[in-house]
Amino acid sequence: MPIPISTVGEDNVTQQDGNVAMITGAARGIGLATAKRFLAEGWHVVMIDRLGDLLQKEARALGSNRAHPIVCDVSMPDQVASAVAETLDAPGRIDALVNNAGIAEFAPLLETSFETWTEVMATNLNGPFLMTQAVAPHMVAAGRGGAVVNVTSISGIRASTMRVAYGTSKAGLAHLTKQYAAELGDYGIRVNGVAPGPVETAMAAKVHTPEIRQSYYDHMPLPRHAAESEIASVIWFLCSPDSAFVTGQIIAADGGFAATGVGLPDLPARG
C-alpha cells in the first residue's frame, strides 16, 4: 500500500541546498559520533535527543551552523511529529534518518518488570517505527529516495543472559528494518541496520568490568571494543551513494563476535 503523502508540503522539501540527516540519540555516544561524521561530509545534521541540556551543549561544541539540535523523545508520537515539522521548516528537507536512540536495562528474566519491558520497547522499537513513519512520506514526496539506518545490536542477533528486554527490542528492530526495506524500495528509499558489538561508550566504561571485557575478547576475532567513530563510519556508508544497491541488510560491526562460536583457546596447543 503506497504511503499517504497528501499532507506533505512540496515547498518544504526543496528549501535547503545540501543533504540533511536526522540522527536520534545524538547528544552522546554513537549518535554524536555519527553527527560529527555527517558534518565532516558536508551535510546538515538535525540532532535529536530527549536530554535537552546535554544536546544543546554538544551541538554548540560542534561549532557548526549546520548542526540543528531538537529536543525530542522518540517514544512520543506528538514530539516526533513536531521534530519532523521543525526539520522541514529549516533546514527544509530530509535525506537520511539514523534511528540510534536507545536505552539498555540489564536484569535476569525473572527480575525484569513489565514496566522495564515497556520502557525499553517504547524507545528501542516504537521510536524507530514512529520516526520512520513520520519521515518516509516526506522522502517519497521529494522524489529523491533516501536512506534509513537503524542501530540494532549483536544482542538482537545472539541471545545472552540479562538482556530479555534489550535483546528482544533489538531483534524486533532488525526485522522492522527488513519490513521497511521491502515496502519502501519502490520509492528509492533504502533501509539497513547496523548491529554494534562492544563499543567504547560512556555506558560501557561504567558497566564493562575487566572481567566482562575479557569475556568478550575471548570470543572475538578482533578482541577489542570499537571506537564510536568506527560505528559512525558504517552508518555513513549505509547512507552514502557507495551503498546505493544495499537495502534490507543488518551489518554486524562487532569485531566478528556474531560470526564465531565459543572459543577453545587451548585447542592449538593440543594440536
Protein backbone atom coordinates (compact mmCIF):
# COMPACT_ATOMS: atom_id res chain seq x y z
CA MET A 1 0.00 0.00 0.00
CA PRO A 2 1.51 3.37 -1.00
CA ILE A 3 2.49 5.76 1.76
CA PRO A 4 -0.02 8.63 2.02
CA ILE A 5 1.63 11.89 1.03
CA SER A 6 -1.30 14.23 0.52
CA THR A 7 -0.41 16.29 3.60
CA VAL A 8 3.23 16.79 2.66
CA GLY A 9 4.14 20.34 1.64
CA GLU A 10 6.05 20.31 -1.65
CA ASP A 11 7.64 23.69 -0.90
CA ASN A 12 9.18 22.39 2.29
CA VAL A 13 11.15 19.60 0.67
CA THR A 14 13.12 21.89 -1.62
CA GLN A 15 14.03 24.83 0.61
CA GLN A 16 17.55 23.85 1.56
CA ASP A 17 20.52 23.13 -0.64
CA GLY A 18 22.67 20.33 0.72
CA ASN A 19 21.75 16.96 2.20
CA VAL A 20 20.14 16.70 5.62
CA ALA A 21 20.35 13.83 8.10
CA MET A 22 18.20 13.38 11.18
CA ILE A 23 20.06 11.48 13.91
CA THR A 24 18.34 10.37 17.09
CA GLY A 25 20.18 9.85 20.34
CA ALA A 26 22.66 12.44 19.12
CA ALA A 27 23.66 14.02 22.42
CA ARG A 28 26.35 11.43 23.12
CA GLY A 29 27.93 8.15 22.12
CA ILE A 30 27.40 6.67 18.68
CA GLY A 31 24.79 9.30 17.81
CA LEU A 32 27.14 12.20 18.49
CA ALA A 33 29.99 10.49 16.63
CA THR A 34 27.64 9.98 13.68
CA ALA A 35 26.64 13.65 13.73
CA LYS A 36 30.31 14.61 13.59
CA ARG A 37 30.89 12.29 10.63
CA PHE A 38 27.97 13.68 8.62
CA LEU A 39 29.09 17.24 9.35
CA ALA A 40 32.57 16.34 8.14
CA GLU A 41 30.99 15.10 4.92
CA GLY A 42 29.30 18.47 4.40
CA TRP A 43 25.76 17.52 5.46
CA HIS A 44 23.32 19.42 7.63
CA VAL A 45 22.59 17.39 10.77
CA VAL A 46 19.42 17.55 12.83
CA MET A 47 20.41 16.24 16.24
CA ILE A 48 17.53 14.63 18.13
CA ASP A 49 17.67 13.73 21.81
CA ARG A 50 15.50 13.95 24.93
CA LEU A 51 18.48 15.07 27.04
CA GLY A 52 17.94 18.73 26.23
CA ASP A 53 20.74 20.40 28.20
CA LEU A 54 23.37 17.92 27.04
CA LEU A 55 22.10 18.09 23.47
CA GLN A 56 22.35 21.88 23.35
CA LYS A 57 25.81 21.78 24.92
CA GLU A 58 27.17 19.24 22.44
CA ALA A 59 25.58 20.97 19.46
CA ARG A 60 27.23 24.25 20.43
CA ALA A 61 30.56 22.49 20.93
CA LEU A 62 30.45 21.29 17.31
CA GLY A 63 30.81 24.92 16.23
CA SER A 64 28.82 24.47 13.03
CA ASN A 65 25.78 26.30 11.72
CA ARG A 66 24.86 23.03 10.01
CA ALA A 67 24.12 21.35 13.36
CA HIS A 68 20.48 21.78 14.39
CA PRO A 69 19.51 20.41 17.84
CA ILE A 70 15.88 19.48 18.54
CA VAL A 71 14.79 18.16 21.91
CA CYS A 72 12.52 15.19 21.31
CA ASP A 73 11.59 11.90 22.98
CA VAL A 74 11.25 9.46 20.09
CA SER A 75 8.76 7.32 22.01
CA MET A 76 6.24 10.19 21.99
CA PRO A 77 4.29 10.50 18.69
CA ASP A 78 3.47 14.18 19.14
CA GLN A 79 7.11 15.09 19.81
CA VAL A 80 8.24 13.09 16.78
CA ALA A 81 5.74 14.89 14.57
CA SER A 82 6.90 18.26 15.88
CA ALA A 83 10.58 17.41 15.32
CA VAL A 84 9.94 16.39 11.72
CA ALA A 85 7.86 19.50 11.08
CA GLU A 86 10.63 21.70 12.53
CA THR A 87 13.19 19.97 10.31
CA LEU A 88 11.09 20.56 7.20
CA ASP A 89 10.74 24.21 8.15
CA ALA A 90 14.54 24.52 8.48
CA PRO A 91 16.81 23.09 7.19
CA GLY A 92 13.98 22.09 4.87
CA ARG A 93 14.49 18.51 3.69
CA ILE A 94 15.36 15.03 4.97
CA ASP A 95 17.69 12.76 3.02
CA ALA A 96 18.74 10.32 5.73
CA LEU A 97 17.36 9.14 9.04
CA VAL A 98 19.53 7.42 11.64
CA ASN A 99 17.48 5.74 14.36
CA ASN A 100 20.12 5.48 17.06
CA ALA A 101 18.26 6.44 20.26
CA GLY A 102 18.07 3.52 22.66
CA ILE A 103 18.11 2.53 26.30
CA ALA A 104 19.56 -0.55 27.95
CA GLU A 105 18.22 -2.16 31.10
CA PHE A 106 20.02 -5.35 32.06
CA ALA A 107 18.40 -7.80 34.50
CA PRO A 108 17.61 -11.50 34.70
CA LEU A 109 14.40 -12.59 33.01
CA LEU A 110 12.56 -13.27 36.27
CA GLU A 111 13.56 -9.88 37.65
CA THR A 112 12.52 -7.86 34.58
CA SER A 113 9.31 -5.98 35.31
CA PHE A 114 6.65 -5.22 32.74
CA GLU A 115 7.38 -1.53 33.33
CA THR A 116 11.02 -2.05 32.33
CA TRP A 117 9.99 -4.14 29.33
CA THR A 118 7.57 -1.43 28.19
CA GLU A 119 10.07 1.38 28.65
CA VAL A 120 12.74 -0.41 26.61
CA MET A 121 10.33 -1.29 23.82
CA ALA A 122 8.96 2.26 23.72
CA THR A 123 12.34 3.78 22.92
CA ASN A 124 14.18 0.99 21.11
CA LEU A 125 11.37 -0.29 18.89
CA ASN A 126 8.48 2.17 18.93
CA GLY A 127 10.89 5.07 18.45
CA PRO A 128 12.32 3.90 15.11
CA PHE A 129 8.81 2.95 13.97
CA LEU A 130 7.46 6.41 14.79
CA MET A 131 10.43 8.27 13.31
CA THR A 132 10.39 6.32 10.06
CA GLN A 133 6.61 6.58 9.72
CA ALA A 134 6.94 10.35 10.12
CA VAL A 135 9.94 10.87 7.82
CA ALA A 136 9.27 8.44 4.96
CA PRO A 137 6.29 10.30 3.43
CA HIS A 138 8.45 13.40 3.01
CA MET A 139 11.20 11.37 1.35
CA VAL A 140 8.55 9.96 -1.00
CA ALA A 141 7.18 13.41 -1.81
CA ALA A 142 10.64 14.80 -2.54
CA GLY A 143 11.24 12.07 -5.11
CA ARG A 144 14.95 11.79 -4.34
CA GLY A 145 14.87 8.49 -2.46
CA GLY A 146 16.70 8.40 0.83
CA ALA A 147 18.32 6.21 3.44
CA VAL A 148 17.24 4.96 6.84
CA VAL A 149 19.72 3.27 9.18
CA ASN A 150 18.59 1.58 12.39
CA VAL A 151 21.16 0.96 15.10
CA THR A 152 20.40 -2.52 16.42
CA SER A 153 22.84 -4.68 18.40
CA ILE A 154 24.54 -8.05 18.44
CA SER A 155 22.19 -8.65 21.39
CA GLY A 156 19.46 -8.83 18.76
CA ILE A 157 21.40 -11.47 16.81
CA ARG A 158 22.70 -13.68 19.62
CA ALA A 159 20.79 -14.27 22.85
CA SER A 160 22.55 -13.84 26.15
CA THR A 161 21.65 -13.52 29.79
CA MET A 162 20.39 -10.27 31.35
CA ARG A 163 19.03 -8.91 28.06
CA VAL A 164 15.49 -10.19 27.73
CA ALA A 165 14.03 -6.72 27.07
CA TYR A 166 17.02 -5.09 25.36
CA GLY A 167 17.88 -8.05 23.14
CA THR A 168 14.28 -8.64 22.12
CA SER A 169 13.80 -4.97 21.27
CA LYS A 170 16.89 -5.03 19.06
CA ALA A 171 15.83 -8.27 17.37
CA GLY A 172 12.47 -6.68 16.64
CA LEU A 173 14.24 -3.62 15.23
CA ALA A 174 16.28 -5.85 12.91
CA HIS A 175 13.11 -7.33 11.49
CA LEU A 176 11.43 -3.92 11.29
CA THR A 177 14.42 -2.84 9.19
CA LYS A 178 13.66 -5.58 6.67
CA GLN A 179 9.95 -4.79 6.65
CA TYR A 180 10.63 -1.15 5.82
CA ALA A 181 13.18 -2.12 3.19
CA ALA A 182 10.61 -4.34 1.48
CA GLU A 183 7.95 -1.63 1.44
CA LEU A 184 9.99 1.49 0.71
CA GLY A 185 12.24 0.20 -2.05
CA ASP A 186 9.78 1.21 -4.75
CA TYR A 187 10.36 4.82 -3.68
CA GLY A 188 14.15 4.53 -3.80
CA ILE A 189 14.40 4.56 -0.01
CA ARG A 190 16.97 2.14 1.36
CA VAL A 191 16.66 0.79 4.90
CA ASN A 192 19.50 -1.02 6.64
CA GLY A 193 20.68 -1.77 10.15
CA VAL A 194 23.98 -1.67 12.00
CA ALA A 195 24.45 -4.14 14.84
CA PRO A 196 27.34 -2.97 17.03
CA GLY A 197 29.22 -5.27 19.33
CA PRO A 198 31.05 -3.84 22.34
CA VAL A 199 31.71 -0.13 21.78
CA GLU A 200 33.84 2.18 23.92
CA THR A 201 30.97 4.38 25.08
CA ALA A 202 30.43 6.09 28.42
CA MET A 203 27.96 3.34 29.34
CA ALA A 204 30.48 0.61 28.53
CA ALA A 205 33.10 2.35 30.64
CA LYS A 206 30.75 2.11 33.62
CA VAL A 207 29.43 -1.45 33.23
CA HIS A 208 32.10 -3.39 31.32
CA THR A 209 34.47 -4.54 34.05
CA PRO A 210 37.85 -6.02 33.11
CA GLU A 211 36.28 -9.47 33.52
CA ILE A 212 33.39 -8.65 31.17
CA ARG A 213 35.79 -7.20 28.63
CA GLN A 214 37.92 -10.33 28.70
CA SER A 215 34.83 -12.49 28.24
CA TYR A 216 34.03 -10.57 25.05
CA TYR A 217 37.61 -10.73 23.81
CA ASP A 218 37.82 -14.49 24.35
CA HIS A 219 35.10 -14.89 21.71
CA MET A 220 36.02 -12.16 19.22
CA PRO A 221 38.37 -12.46 16.23
CA LEU A 222 39.16 -8.76 16.74
CA PRO A 223 39.49 -8.66 20.54
CA ARG A 224 38.76 -5.06 21.47
CA HIS A 225 35.97 -2.53 21.88
CA ALA A 226 35.12 -0.44 18.83
CA ALA A 227 35.54 3.30 18.81
CA GLU A 228 32.28 5.21 18.42
CA SER A 229 33.66 6.69 15.21
CA GLU A 230 34.05 3.20 13.72
CA ILE A 231 30.33 2.55 14.10
CA ALA A 232 29.62 6.01 12.71
CA SER A 233 31.64 5.12 9.61
CA VAL A 234 29.43 2.10 8.91
CA ILE A 235 26.32 4.24 9.36
CA TRP A 236 27.76 6.84 6.99
CA PHE A 237 28.50 4.17 4.39
CA LEU A 238 24.91 2.94 4.50
CA CYS A 239 23.64 6.48 3.91
CA SER A 240 26.16 7.32 1.20
CA PRO A 241 25.99 6.71 -2.57
CA ASP A 242 28.61 3.98 -2.10
CA SER A 243 25.84 1.72 -0.76
CA ALA A 244 23.27 2.59 -3.44
CA PHE A 245 22.38 -1.08 -4.07
CA VAL A 246 22.31 -2.15 -0.40
CA THR A 247 19.00 -2.46 1.43
CA GLY A 248 17.36 -4.79 3.92
CA GLN A 249 20.71 -5.72 5.50
CA ILE A 250 21.88 -5.92 9.09
CA ILE A 251 25.61 -5.22 9.20
CA ALA A 252 27.27 -6.57 12.34
CA ALA A 253 30.04 -4.14 13.30
CA ASP A 254 31.18 -6.34 16.14
CA GLY A 255 34.77 -7.46 15.65
CA GLY A 256 33.46 -10.80 14.41
CA PHE A 257 31.62 -11.69 17.63
CA ALA A 258 28.40 -12.81 15.92
CA ALA A 259 30.32 -14.90 13.38
CA THR A 260 32.08 -17.17 15.85
CA GLY A 261 31.11 -19.73 18.48
CA VAL A 262 32.62 -20.44 21.85
CA GLY A 263 36.39 -20.18 21.72
CA LEU A 264 38.68 -23.07 22.61
CA PRO A 265 41.94 -21.27 23.46
CA ASP A 266 43.83 -24.44 24.32
CA LEU A 267 42.99 -26.27 21.07
CA PRO A 268 46.05 -25.08 19.05
CA ALA A 269 48.38 -26.16 21.86
CA ARG A 270 46.94 -29.67 21.77
CA GLY A 271 47.45 -29.92 18.02
